[in-house]
Amino acid sequence: MAEGTIKRLTDKGFGFIDVGAEKDLFFHSSSVEGASFDDLREGQQVTFNEVSGQKGPCAENVQVAR
């Protein structure tokens, strides 16, 4: 699993993860596991799987890093 930092969360149920690359990775609230989307905070470290979505790379299986 890859690691990154939550850069931005929206009130529409999605967010972006800073992975140190040019573009941040999109993730949807349905991709969060082991916590609810509302429990996530900007600046938190997370682990995830990078997959190819309809609009490009995105994160799935997003979990708070331990």
N, C-alpha and C. Protein backbone atom coordinates (compact mmCIF):
# COMPACT_ATOMS: atom_id res chain seq x y z
N MET A 1 0.83 -1.19 0.00
CA MET A 1 0.00 0.00 0.00
C MET A 1 0.88 1.25 0.00
N ALA A 2 0.38 2.27 -0.67
CA ALA A 2 1.10 3.54 -0.73
C ALA A 2 0.70 4.40 0.47
N GLU A 3 1.50 5.43 0.74
CA GLU A 3 1.21 6.34 1.84
C GLU A 3 1.16 7.77 1.34
N GLY A 4 0.36 8.58 2.02
CA GLY A 4 0.25 9.98 1.67
C GLY A 4 -0.40 10.75 2.80
N THR A 5 -0.63 12.03 2.57
CA THR A 5 -1.23 12.92 3.57
C THR A 5 -2.50 13.54 2.99
N ILE A 6 -3.56 13.54 3.78
CA ILE A 6 -4.79 14.17 3.31
C ILE A 6 -4.54 15.66 3.15
N LYS A 7 -4.73 16.14 1.94
CA LYS A 7 -4.46 17.55 1.65
C LYS A 7 -5.73 18.39 1.77
N ARG A 8 -6.85 17.84 1.26
CA ARG A 8 -8.09 18.62 1.28
C ARG A 8 -9.28 17.68 1.36
N LEU A 9 -10.26 18.06 2.17
CA LEU A 9 -11.53 17.34 2.28
C LEU A 9 -12.65 18.30 1.90
N THR A 10 -13.68 17.79 1.26
CA THR A 10 -14.82 18.63 0.88
C THR A 10 -16.06 18.19 1.64
N ASP A 11 -17.05 19.04 1.66
CA ASP A 11 -18.32 18.67 2.28
C ASP A 11 -19.21 17.90 1.31
N LYS A 12 -18.68 17.57 0.15
CA LYS A 12 -19.43 16.80 -0.85
C LYS A 12 -19.06 15.33 -0.85
N GLY A 13 -18.21 14.91 0.12
CA GLY A 13 -17.91 13.49 0.25
C GLY A 13 -16.71 12.99 -0.53
N PHE A 14 -15.78 13.87 -0.81
CA PHE A 14 -14.54 13.42 -1.44
C PHE A 14 -13.38 14.28 -0.95
N GLY A 15 -12.17 13.83 -1.27
CA GLY A 15 -11.00 14.57 -0.85
C GLY A 15 -9.82 14.27 -1.76
N PHE A 16 -8.67 14.81 -1.37
CA PHE A 16 -7.45 14.65 -2.15
C PHE A 16 -6.30 14.31 -1.23
N ILE A 17 -5.43 13.42 -1.70
CA ILE A 17 -4.27 12.96 -0.94
C ILE A 17 -3.01 13.47 -1.62
N ASP A 18 -2.14 14.11 -0.83
CA ASP A 18 -0.84 14.56 -1.32
C ASP A 18 0.10 13.37 -1.27
N VAL A 19 0.60 12.98 -2.43
CA VAL A 19 1.51 11.83 -2.52
C VAL A 19 2.92 12.26 -2.92
N GLY A 20 3.17 13.57 -2.91
CA GLY A 20 4.49 14.07 -3.26
C GLY A 20 4.72 14.17 -4.76
N ALA A 21 3.68 13.96 -5.54
CA ALA A 21 3.79 14.06 -6.99
C ALA A 21 3.16 15.37 -7.45
N GLU A 22 3.21 15.59 -8.75
CA GLU A 22 2.67 16.84 -9.31
C GLU A 22 1.17 16.98 -9.04
N LYS A 23 0.43 15.87 -9.18
CA LYS A 23 -1.01 15.90 -8.95
C LYS A 23 -1.37 15.13 -7.69
N ASP A 24 -2.37 15.64 -6.96
CA ASP A 24 -2.87 14.94 -5.79
C ASP A 24 -3.84 13.85 -6.25
N LEU A 25 -4.01 12.82 -5.41
CA LEU A 25 -4.91 11.72 -5.75
C LEU A 25 -6.30 11.97 -5.19
N PHE A 26 -7.29 11.81 -6.02
CA PHE A 26 -8.69 11.94 -5.62
C PHE A 26 -9.12 10.69 -4.86
N PHE A 27 -9.98 10.84 -3.86
CA PHE A 27 -10.65 9.68 -3.26
C PHE A 27 -12.07 10.06 -2.86
N HIS A 28 -12.96 9.08 -2.93
CA HIS A 28 -14.37 9.27 -2.58
C HIS A 28 -14.62 8.69 -1.19
N SER A 29 -15.62 9.21 -0.50
CA SER A 29 -15.92 8.73 0.86
C SER A 29 -16.19 7.23 0.89
N SER A 30 -16.71 6.67 -0.20
CA SER A 30 -16.98 5.23 -0.23
C SER A 30 -15.70 4.40 -0.28
N SER A 31 -14.55 5.04 -0.51
CA SER A 31 -13.26 4.34 -0.57
C SER A 31 -12.55 4.29 0.78
N VAL A 32 -13.16 4.91 1.81
CA VAL A 32 -12.55 4.94 3.15
C VAL A 32 -12.91 3.66 3.89
N GLU A 33 -11.90 3.02 4.52
CA GLU A 33 -12.13 1.79 5.27
C GLU A 33 -11.58 1.93 6.68
N GLY A 34 -12.28 1.35 7.65
CA GLY A 34 -11.81 1.35 9.04
C GLY A 34 -12.10 2.64 9.78
N ALA A 35 -12.74 3.59 9.14
CA ALA A 35 -13.12 4.87 9.76
C ALA A 35 -14.21 5.48 8.89
N SER A 36 -14.90 6.47 9.41
CA SER A 36 -15.88 7.15 8.56
C SER A 36 -15.21 8.36 7.92
N PHE A 37 -15.74 8.78 6.80
CA PHE A 37 -15.19 9.94 6.10
C PHE A 37 -15.17 11.16 7.03
N ASP A 38 -16.20 11.30 7.86
CA ASP A 38 -16.31 12.45 8.77
C ASP A 38 -15.23 12.46 9.85
N ASP A 39 -14.59 11.30 10.10
CA ASP A 39 -13.52 11.22 11.11
C ASP A 39 -12.17 11.65 10.55
N LEU A 40 -12.05 11.76 9.24
CA LEU A 40 -10.78 12.14 8.62
C LEU A 40 -10.52 13.63 8.80
N ARG A 41 -9.24 14.00 8.88
CA ARG A 41 -8.83 15.39 9.04
C ARG A 41 -7.69 15.70 8.06
N GLU A 42 -7.67 16.92 7.58
CA GLU A 42 -6.57 17.35 6.72
C GLU A 42 -5.27 17.25 7.50
N GLY A 43 -4.22 16.79 6.85
CA GLY A 43 -2.93 16.60 7.49
C GLY A 43 -2.71 15.20 8.03
N GLN A 44 -3.74 14.37 8.06
CA GLN A 44 -3.60 12.99 8.54
C GLN A 44 -2.85 12.14 7.54
N GLN A 45 -2.03 11.23 8.06
CA GLN A 45 -1.33 10.27 7.22
C GLN A 45 -2.29 9.12 6.92
N VAL A 46 -2.33 8.69 5.67
CA VAL A 46 -3.19 7.58 5.27
C VAL A 46 -2.42 6.61 4.38
N THR A 47 -2.92 5.38 4.33
CA THR A 47 -2.42 4.39 3.37
C THR A 47 -3.56 4.12 2.40
N PHE A 48 -3.23 3.66 1.19
CA PHE A 48 -4.24 3.47 0.15
C PHE A 48 -3.67 2.65 -0.98
N ASN A 49 -4.55 2.20 -1.85
CA ASN A 49 -4.15 1.56 -3.11
C ASN A 49 -4.46 2.53 -4.24
N GLU A 50 -3.49 2.76 -5.09
CA GLU A 50 -3.72 3.65 -6.24
C GLU A 50 -4.27 2.82 -7.39
N VAL A 51 -5.40 3.27 -7.93
CA VAL A 51 -6.05 2.58 -9.04
C VAL A 51 -6.34 3.58 -10.15
N SER A 52 -6.70 3.06 -11.30
CA SER A 52 -7.04 3.91 -12.42
C SER A 52 -8.56 4.03 -12.49
N GLY A 53 -9.07 5.24 -12.27
CA GLY A 53 -10.50 5.49 -12.32
C GLY A 53 -10.92 6.06 -13.66
N GLN A 54 -12.20 6.42 -13.77
CA GLN A 54 -12.72 6.95 -15.03
C GLN A 54 -12.03 8.25 -15.44
N LYS A 55 -11.62 9.05 -14.45
CA LYS A 55 -11.01 10.35 -14.76
C LYS A 55 -9.52 10.38 -14.44
N GLY A 56 -8.92 9.21 -14.32
CA GLY A 56 -7.49 9.15 -14.05
C GLY A 56 -7.20 8.44 -12.73
N PRO A 57 -5.97 8.55 -12.24
CA PRO A 57 -5.58 7.85 -11.01
C PRO A 57 -6.41 8.33 -9.82
N CYS A 58 -6.75 7.39 -8.93
CA CYS A 58 -7.46 7.73 -7.70
C CYS A 58 -7.07 6.72 -6.62
N ALA A 59 -7.50 7.00 -5.40
CA ALA A 59 -7.15 6.14 -4.26
C ALA A 59 -8.36 5.33 -3.82
N GLU A 60 -8.13 4.05 -3.50
CA GLU A 60 -9.14 3.18 -2.93
C GLU A 60 -8.57 2.55 -1.67
N ASN A 61 -9.43 1.96 -0.87
CA ASN A 61 -9.02 1.32 0.40
C ASN A 61 -8.23 2.31 1.27
N VAL A 62 -8.74 3.54 1.38
CA VAL A 62 -8.07 4.58 2.16
C VAL A 62 -8.24 4.28 3.65
N GLN A 63 -7.12 4.20 4.36
CA GLN A 63 -7.14 3.91 5.80
C GLN A 63 -6.19 4.86 6.52
N VAL A 64 -6.56 5.24 7.74
CA VAL A 64 -5.67 6.06 8.55
C VAL A 64 -4.43 5.25 8.85
N ALA A 65 -3.25 5.84 8.64
CA ALA A 65 -1.98 5.15 8.88
C ALA A 65 -1.79 4.92 10.38
N ARG A 66 -1.23 3.78 10.73
CA ARG A 66 -1.01 3.47 12.15
C ARG A 66 0.42 3.65 12.53
